[in-house]
C-alpha atoms as a PDB file:
ATOM      1  CA  MET A   1      -3.073  -0.507  -6.307  1.00  0.00           C
ATOM      2  CA  ASN A   2      -2.043   3.004  -7.162  1.00  0.00           C
ATOM      3  CA  LEU A   3       1.393   3.421  -4.528  1.00  0.00           C
ATOM      4  CA  LEU A   4       4.310   5.424  -4.291  1.00  0.00           C
ATOM      5  CA  ALA A   5       7.355   4.633  -2.982  1.00  0.00           C
ATOM      6  CA  ILE A   6      10.696   6.497  -1.516  1.00  0.00           C
ATOM      7  CA  ASP A   7      14.119   5.808  -0.698  1.00  0.00           C
ATOM      8  CA  THR A   8      16.960   7.759   0.394  1.00  0.00           C
ATOM      9  CA  SER A   9      18.708   5.649   2.525  1.00  0.00           C
ATOM     10  CA  THR A  10      22.220   5.838   0.502  1.00  0.00           C
ATOM     11  CA  ASP A  11      23.171   8.811  -1.923  1.00  0.00           C
ATOM     12  CA  PHE A  12      20.441   8.423  -4.293  1.00  0.00           C
ATOM     13  CA  CYS A  13      17.194   9.788  -4.552  1.00  0.00           C
ATOM     14  CA  SER A  14      14.721   7.096  -5.717  1.00  0.00           C
ATOM     15  CA  VAL A  15      11.044   7.488  -6.293  1.00  0.00           C
ATOM     16  CA  ALA A  16       8.815   4.570  -7.668  1.00  0.00           C
ATOM     17  CA  ALA A  17       5.300   4.639  -8.303  1.00  0.00           C
ATOM     18  CA  SER A  18       2.430   1.534  -9.479  1.00  0.00           C
ATOM     19  CA  ARG A  19      -0.721   2.357 -11.546  1.00  0.00           C
ATOM     20  CA  GLY A  20      -2.676  -0.890 -11.050  1.00  0.00           C
ATOM     21  CA  GLU A  21       0.434  -3.823 -12.533  1.00  0.00           C
ATOM     22  CA  ALA A  22       2.706  -0.859 -14.048  1.00  0.00           C
ATOM     23  CA  LEU A  23       5.563   0.495 -12.447  1.00  0.00           C
ATOM     24  CA  TYR A  24       7.443   3.811 -12.731  1.00  0.00           C
ATOM     25  CA  SER A  25      10.429   5.114 -11.491  1.00  0.00           C
ATOM     26  CA  ARG A  26      13.441   7.427 -10.850  1.00  0.00           C
ATOM     27  CA  HIS A  27      16.769   6.441  -9.302  1.00  0.00           C
ATOM     28  CA  GLN A  28      19.773   9.255  -9.857  1.00  0.00           C
ATOM     29  CA  PRO A  29      22.330  10.251  -7.620  1.00  0.00           C
ATOM     30  CA  ALA A  30      21.949  13.363  -5.070  1.00  0.00           C
ATOM     31  CA  SER A  31      24.769  13.722  -2.621  1.00  0.00           C
ATOM     32  CA  ARG A  32      23.772  15.584   0.026  1.00  0.00           C
ATOM     33  CA  ARG A  33      20.909  16.996  -1.900  1.00  0.00           C
ATOM     34  CA  GLN A  34      17.763  14.731  -1.284  1.00  0.00           C
ATOM     35  CA  ALA A  35      15.833  17.380   0.445  1.00  0.00           C
ATOM     36  CA  GLU A  36      15.768  19.884  -2.204  1.00  0.00           C
ATOM     37  CA  MET A  37      15.363  17.018  -5.035  1.00  0.00           C
ATOM     38  CA  ILE A  38      12.571  14.501  -3.565  1.00  0.00           C
ATOM     39  CA  LEU A  39       9.718  16.445  -4.098  1.00  0.00           C
ATOM     40  CA  GLY A  40      10.414  17.452  -7.715  1.00  0.00           C
ATOM     41  CA  ILE A  41      11.299  13.909  -8.282  1.00  0.00           C
ATOM     42  CA  VAL A  42       7.933  12.387  -6.533  1.00  0.00           C
ATOM     43  CA  ASN A  43       6.261  14.742  -8.991  1.00  0.00           C
ATOM     44  CA  GLU A  44       7.988  13.347 -12.339  1.00  0.00           C
ATOM     45  CA  VAL A  45       7.221  10.024 -11.467  1.00  0.00           C
ATOM     46  CA  LEU A  46       3.414  10.906 -10.610  1.00  0.00           C
ATOM     47  CA  VAL A  47       3.121  12.665 -13.837  1.00  0.00           C
ATOM     48  CA  GLU A  48       5.126   9.515 -16.093  1.00  0.00           C
ATOM     49  CA  ALA A  49       2.493   7.327 -14.146  1.00  0.00           C
ATOM     50  CA  ARG A  50      -0.234   9.503 -15.158  1.00  0.00           C
ATOM     51  CA  LEU A  51      -1.316   9.656 -11.478  1.00  0.00           C
ATOM     52  CA  GLU A  52      -2.760  12.438  -9.720  1.00  0.00           C
ATOM     53  CA  PHE A  53      -1.621  12.384  -5.767  1.00  0.00           C
ATOM     54  CA  ALA A  54      -5.046  11.935  -4.792  1.00  0.00           C
ATOM     55  CA  GLN A  55      -5.476   8.409  -6.410  1.00  0.00           C
ATOM     56  CA  VAL A  56      -2.440   7.426  -4.683  1.00  0.00           C
ATOM     57  CA  GLN A  57      -3.517   4.548  -2.105  1.00  0.00           C
ATOM     58  CA  GLY A  58      -0.443   4.023   0.240  1.00  0.00           C
ATOM     59  CA  ILE A  59       3.287   5.071   0.574  1.00  0.00           C
ATOM     60  CA  ALA A  60       6.205   2.799   1.067  1.00  0.00           C
ATOM     61  CA  TYR A  61       9.345   4.326   2.013  1.00  0.00           C
ATOM     62  CA  GLY A  62      12.895   2.547   2.823  1.00  0.00           C
ATOM     63  CA  GLU A  63      12.739   2.973   6.619  1.00  0.00           C
ATOM     64  CA  GLY A  64      17.018   2.146   7.146  1.00  0.00           C
ATOM     65  CA  PRO A  65      19.384   1.076   8.057  1.00  0.00           C
ATOM     66  CA  GLY A  66      21.442   3.436   6.526  1.00  0.00           C
ATOM     67  CA  SER A  67      22.406   7.292   5.930  1.00  0.00           C
ATOM     68  CA  PHE A  68      20.739   9.245   9.097  1.00  0.00           C
ATOM     69  CA  THR A  69      19.968  12.287   7.231  1.00  0.00           C
ATOM     70  CA  GLY A  70      18.414  10.370   4.145  1.00  0.00           C
ATOM     71  CA  LEU A  71      16.430   8.301   6.431  1.00  0.00           C
ATOM     72  CA  ARG A  72      14.806  11.224   8.106  1.00  0.00           C
ATOM     73  CA  ILE A  73      14.018  12.793   4.762  1.00  0.00           C
ATOM     74  CA  ALA A  74      12.598   9.633   3.550  1.00  0.00           C
ATOM     75  CA  ALA A  75      10.338   9.162   6.583  1.00  0.00           C
ATOM     76  CA  GLY A  76       9.327  12.584   6.766  1.00  0.00           C
ATOM     77  CA  VAL A  77       8.206  13.268   3.206  1.00  0.00           C
ATOM     78  CA  THR A  78       6.008   9.461   3.754  1.00  0.00           C
ATOM     79  CA  GLN A  79       4.646  11.177   6.855  1.00  0.00           C
ATOM     80  CA  GLY A  80       4.217  14.480   5.325  1.00  0.00           C
ATOM     81  CA  LEU A  81       2.510  13.288   2.336  1.00  0.00           C
ATOM     82  CA  ALA A  82       0.518  10.407   4.087  1.00  0.00           C
ATOM     83  CA  LEU A  83      -1.176  12.896   6.296  1.00  0.00           C
ATOM     84  CA  ALA A  84      -2.147  14.865   3.836  1.00  0.00           C
ATOM     85  CA  GLY A  85      -3.377  12.399   1.610  1.00  0.00           C
ATOM     86  CA  GLY A  86      -5.162  10.637   4.480  1.00  0.00           C
ATOM     87  CA  ILE A  87      -3.296   7.085   3.397  1.00  0.00           C
ATOM     88  CA  GLY A  88      -1.458   4.205   4.860  1.00  0.00           C
ATOM     89  CA  VAL A  89       2.248   3.705   5.183  1.00  0.00           C
ATOM     90  CA  ILE A  90       4.637   0.387   4.912  1.00  0.00           C
ATOM     91  CA  GLY A  91       8.297   0.876   6.043  1.00  0.00           C
ATOM     92  CA  VAL A  92      10.797  -1.515   4.315  1.00  0.00           C
ATOM     93  CA  GLY A  93      14.001  -2.356   5.358  1.00  0.00           C
ATOM     94  CA  SER A  94      16.804  -1.186   2.934  1.00  0.00           C
ATOM     95  CA  LEU A  95      19.107  -4.194   3.716  1.00  0.00           C
ATOM     96  CA  LEU A  96      15.995  -6.275   1.940  1.00  0.00           C
ATOM     97  CA  ALA A  97      15.594  -4.179  -0.372  1.00  0.00           C
ATOM     98  CA  LEU A  98      19.267  -4.119  -1.714  1.00  0.00           C
ATOM     99  CA  SER A  99      18.920  -7.435  -1.865  1.00  0.00           C
ATOM    100  CA  GLU A 100      15.926  -7.384  -4.268  1.00  0.00           C
ATOM    101  CA  GLU A 101      17.555  -4.710  -6.346  1.00  0.00           C
ATOM    102  CA  ALA A 102      20.478  -7.638  -6.229  1.00  0.00           C
ATOM    103  CA  GLY A 103      18.257 -10.371  -7.030  1.00  0.00           C
ATOM    104  CA  GLU A 104      16.346  -8.585  -9.994  1.00  0.00           C
ATOM    105  CA  ASN A 105      19.896  -7.562 -11.698  1.00  0.00           C
ATOM    106  CA  ALA A 106      22.030 -10.443 -11.128  1.00  0.00           C
ATOM    107  CA  ALA A 107      19.492 -13.550 -10.646  1.00  0.00           C
ATOM    108  CA  GLY A 108      20.736 -13.628  -7.388  1.00  0.00           C
ATOM    109  CA  GLU A 109      19.427 -16.521  -5.261  1.00  0.00           C
ATOM    110  CA  GLN A 110      21.438 -15.858  -1.718  1.00  0.00           C
ATOM    111  CA  VAL A 111      22.366 -11.821  -0.963  1.00  0.00           C
ATOM    112  CA  ILE A 112      25.026 -11.013   1.348  1.00  0.00           C
ATOM    113  CA  ALA A 113      23.713  -6.936   1.985  1.00  0.00           C
ATOM    114  CA  CYS A 114      26.152  -4.772   3.229  1.00  0.00           C
ATOM    115  CA  LEU A 115      25.968  -1.057   3.639  1.00  0.00           C
ATOM    116  CA  ASP A 116      29.021   1.235   4.417  1.00  0.00           C
ATOM    117  CA  ALA A 117      27.976   2.675   8.171  1.00  0.00           C
ATOM    118  CA  HIS A 118      31.068   4.764   8.359  1.00  0.00           C
ATOM    119  CA  MET A 119      33.023   4.952  11.538  1.00  0.00           C
ATOM    120  CA  GLY A 120      34.497   1.572  10.375  1.00  0.00           C
ATOM    121  CA  GLU A 121      31.263  -0.726  10.537  1.00  0.00           C
ATOM    122  CA  VAL A 122      28.905  -2.258   8.206  1.00  0.00           C
ATOM    123  CA  TYR A 123      24.867  -2.534   8.284  1.00  0.00           C
ATOM    124  CA  HIS A 124      25.137  -6.506   7.133  1.00  0.00           C
ATOM    125  CA  ALA A 125      22.024  -8.594   6.645  1.00  0.00           C
ATOM    126  CA  ALA A 126      21.786 -12.089   4.163  1.00  0.00           C
ATOM    127  CA  TYR A 127      18.794 -13.323   2.816  1.00  0.00           C
ATOM    128  CA  ARG A 128      17.525 -16.547  -0.042  1.00  0.00           C
ATOM    129  CA  ARG A 129      15.038 -16.450  -2.151  1.00  0.00           C
ATOM    130  CA  ALA A 130      11.554 -18.207  -1.138  1.00  0.00           C
ATOM    131  CA  GLY A 131       9.226 -17.848  -3.902  1.00  0.00           C
ATOM    132  CA  ALA A 132       8.228 -14.759  -4.620  1.00  0.00           C
ATOM    133  CA  GLY A 133       9.612 -13.159  -1.262  1.00  0.00           C
ATOM    134  CA  TRP A 134      12.728 -13.631   0.779  1.00  0.00           C
ATOM    135  CA  GLU A 135      13.758 -15.985   3.692  1.00  0.00           C
ATOM    136  CA  GLU A 136      15.940 -13.977   6.342  1.00  0.00           C
ATOM    137  CA  VAL A 137      18.832 -15.860   6.961  1.00  0.00           C
ATOM    138  CA  SER A 138      20.856 -13.277   8.882  1.00  0.00           C
ATOM    139  CA  ALA A 139      18.644 -10.470  10.842  1.00  0.00           C
ATOM    140  CA  PRO A 140      20.081  -6.710   9.817  1.00  0.00           C
ATOM    141  CA  GLY A 141      22.892  -5.992  12.246  1.00  0.00           C
ATOM    142  CA  LEU A 142      25.622  -3.736  12.743  1.00  0.00           C
ATOM    143  CA  TYR A 143      28.928  -4.855  12.566  1.00  0.00           C
ATOM    144  CA  ARG A 144      32.704  -4.404  11.806  1.00  0.00           C
ATOM    145  CA  PRO A 145      33.865  -6.349   8.837  1.00  0.00           C
ATOM    146  CA  GLU A 146      35.897  -8.382  10.084  1.00  0.00           C
ATOM    147  CA  THR A 147      32.998  -9.793  12.668  1.00  0.00           C
ATOM    148  CA  VAL A 148      30.167 -10.164  10.054  1.00  0.00           C
ATOM    149  CA  PRO A 149      28.254 -13.509   9.927  1.00  0.00           C
ATOM    150  CA  VAL A 150      29.325 -15.931   7.822  1.00  0.00           C
ATOM    151  CA  MET A 151      27.148 -17.987   5.552  1.00  0.00           C
ATOM    152  CA  SER A 152      27.243 -21.437   5.119  1.00  0.00           C
ATOM    153  CA  GLY A 153      27.666 -22.946   1.696  1.00  0.00           C
ATOM    154  CA  GLY A 154      28.581 -20.789  -1.241  1.00  0.00           C
ATOM    155  CA  GLY A 155      27.225 -19.372  -4.439  1.00  0.00           C
ATOM    156  CA  TRP A 156      26.138 -15.770  -2.273  1.00  0.00           C
ATOM    157  CA  ILE A 157      26.170 -12.863  -4.186  1.00  0.00           C
ATOM    158  CA  GLY A 158      27.757  -9.847  -2.023  1.00  0.00           C
ATOM    159  CA  CYS A 159      26.225  -6.312  -2.531  1.00  0.00           C
ATOM    160  CA  GLY A 160      25.927  -3.011  -1.647  1.00  0.00           C
ATOM    161  CA  ASP A 161      28.425  -0.193  -0.712  1.00  0.00           C
ATOM    162  CA  GLY A 162      30.140  -1.838   2.296  1.00  0.00           C
ATOM    163  CA  PHE A 163      31.732  -4.294  -0.305  1.00  0.00           C
ATOM    164  CA  ALA A 164      33.438  -0.834  -1.990  1.00  0.00           C
ATOM    165  CA  ALA A 165      34.485   0.605   1.657  1.00  0.00           C
ATOM    166  CA  TYR A 166      35.730  -2.434   3.149  1.00  0.00           C
ATOM    167  CA  ARG A 167      36.276  -5.321  -0.125  1.00  0.00           C
ATOM    168  CA  GLU A 168      39.092  -6.867   1.675  1.00  0.00           C
ATOM    169  CA  ARG A 169      38.514  -6.741   5.169  1.00  0.00           C
ATOM    170  CA  LEU A 170      35.041  -8.405   4.116  1.00  0.00           C
ATOM    171  CA  SER A 171      36.175 -10.816   1.371  1.00  0.00           C
ATOM    172  CA  ALA A 172      38.853 -12.214   4.207  1.00  0.00           C
ATOM    173  CA  ARG A 173      35.767 -12.596   6.729  1.00  0.00           C
ATOM    174  CA  LEU A 174      33.578 -14.123   4.197  1.00  0.00           C
ATOM    175  CA  GLY A 175      35.911 -15.952   1.751  1.00  0.00           C
ATOM    176  CA  GLU A 176      34.587 -18.419  -0.482  1.00  0.00           C
ATOM    177  CA  CYS A 177      30.975 -18.530   0.453  1.00  0.00           C
ATOM    178  CA  VAL A 178      30.991 -15.240  -1.560  1.00  0.00           C
ATOM    179  CA  SER A 179      31.058 -15.664  -5.480  1.00  0.00           C
ATOM    180  CA  VAL A 180      30.428 -12.533  -6.758  1.00  0.00           C
ATOM    181  CA  ILE A 181      30.865  -8.988  -5.566  1.00  0.00           C
ATOM    182  CA  ARG A 182      28.626  -6.224  -6.833  1.00  0.00           C
ATOM    183  CA  SER A 183      29.271  -2.988  -4.708  1.00  0.00           C
ATOM    184  CA  GLU A 184      28.004  -0.513  -7.078  1.00  0.00           C
ATOM    185  CA  THR A 185      24.359  -1.955  -6.034  1.00  0.00           C
ATOM    186  CA  ALA A 186      22.004   0.258  -4.087  1.00  0.00           C
ATOM    187  CA  PRO A 187      18.670   0.112  -2.697  1.00  0.00           C
ATOM    188  CA  SER A 188      16.174   1.661  -4.729  1.00  0.00           C
ATOM    189  CA  ALA A 189      12.315   2.949  -4.429  1.00  0.00           C
ATOM    190  CA  ARG A 190      11.422   0.013  -6.960  1.00  0.00           C
ATOM    191  CA  ALA A 191      12.624  -2.744  -5.036  1.00  0.00           C
ATOM    192  CA  VAL A 192      10.691  -1.131  -1.905  1.00  0.00           C
ATOM    193  CA  LEU A 193       7.830  -1.152  -3.981  1.00  0.00           C
ATOM    194  CA  LYS A 194       7.766  -4.331  -5.092  1.00  0.00           C
ATOM    195  CA  LEU A 195       8.464  -5.661  -1.448  1.00  0.00           C
ATOM    196  CA  ALA A 196       5.526  -3.343  -0.291  1.00  0.00           C
ATOM    197  CA  ILE A 197       3.320  -4.666  -3.123  1.00  0.00           C
ATOM    198  CA  PRO A 198       2.045  -7.719  -1.212  1.00  0.00           C
ATOM    199  CA  ARG A 199       1.931  -6.147   2.163  1.00  0.00           C
ATOM    200  CA  PHE A 200      -0.653  -3.298   0.921  1.00  0.00           C
ATOM    201  CA  ALA A 201      -2.728  -6.229  -0.496  1.00  0.00           C
ATOM    202  CA  ALA A 202      -2.465  -7.897   2.560  1.00  0.00           C
ATOM    203  CA  GLY A 203      -3.938  -4.791   4.827  1.00  0.00           C
ATOM    204  CA  LYS A 204      -0.689  -4.390   6.762  1.00  0.00           C
ATOM    205  CA  ALA A 205      -0.258  -0.588   6.110  1.00  0.00           C
ATOM    206  CA  ARG A 206      -0.051   1.757   9.086  1.00  0.00           C
ATOM    207  CA  ASP A 207      -1.035   5.229   9.972  1.00  0.00           C
ATOM    208  CA  ALA A 208       1.070   8.044   8.633  1.00  0.00           C
ATOM    209  CA  ALA A 209       2.673   8.562  12.064  1.00  0.00           C
ATOM    210  CA  ALA A 210       4.742   5.265  12.059  1.00  0.00           C
ATOM    211  CA  ALA A 211       6.882   6.224   9.068  1.00  0.00           C
ATOM    212  CA  VAL A 212       9.888   6.210  11.436  1.00  0.00           C
ATOM    213  CA  PRO A 213      13.481   5.393  10.544  1.00  0.00           C
ATOM    214  CA  VAL A 214      15.367   2.327  11.452  1.00  0.00           C
ATOM    215  CA  TYR A 215      18.933   3.184  12.519  1.00  0.00           C
ATOM    216  CA  LEU A 216      20.607   0.516  14.302  1.00  0.00           C
ATOM    217  CA  ARG A 217      22.841   2.546  15.442  1.00  0.00           C
ATOM    218  CA  ASP A 218      22.395   4.948  18.597  1.00  0.00           C
ATOM    219  CA  LYS A 219      25.922   6.877  18.502  1.00  0.00           C
ATOM    220  CA  VAL A 220      26.226   8.973  15.573  1.00  0.00           C
ATOM    221  CA  ALA A 221      29.946  10.017  16.263  1.00  0.00           C
ATOM    222  CA  LEU A 222      32.886   8.731  17.374  1.00  0.00           C
ATOM    223  CA  LYS A 223      35.227  10.834  20.174  1.00  0.00           C
ATOM    224  CA  THR A 224      39.138  11.194  18.856  1.00  0.00           C
ATOM    225  CA  SER A 225      40.178   8.249  20.907  1.00  0.00           C
ATOM    226  CA  GLU A 226      37.754   6.354  19.671  1.00  0.00           C
ATOM    227  CA  ARG A 227      38.473   6.833  15.955  1.00  0.00           C
ATOM    228  CA  GLU A 228      40.853   4.051  13.920  1.00  0.00           C
END
């Protein structure tokens, strides 16, 4: 299938496309410029893939959790493009995409994914490789670093910027179950696309209106008295 994927759940602006079995992608730091960069990068990737937008058959997006603003950008752009093209969408969890990225780059079979949720908290999930996909060992949740679920056994890869922000607290909590920490690893549109391809092939795409963010946190700011 000819597919497009968008992820802006972290500080990166990430876009990928597939033309048949070939994958093309851009993944670059964006800070707070994602809204102004995203459509240009979409165009660059489509040009590289030699695709016209009319040939795109579906759009996948990083649904979250992650940056509130970034999630809204990815969902909004996905909705708009899918409505314009009359095509379906699939949302892929950011922590699962982070695990896919870590597994591909580090040959990881067991991944603890942690993204910095700010306010002294992390978004956490854990996955184990199962064939071509992943088994969910610990569902995505919002935790303080010292209360994240502890995995059994060893050999887990800890990945994501949560480990950069709270390395000591997470290391103290997780102990010897984590053998390697790759805090620089981030969710990517390429990982989102790879995870979405089997779902598109199985006919699981949804209407454009279904492209909404998954936040995990309802409260976006703390009162002065609640801050650390």
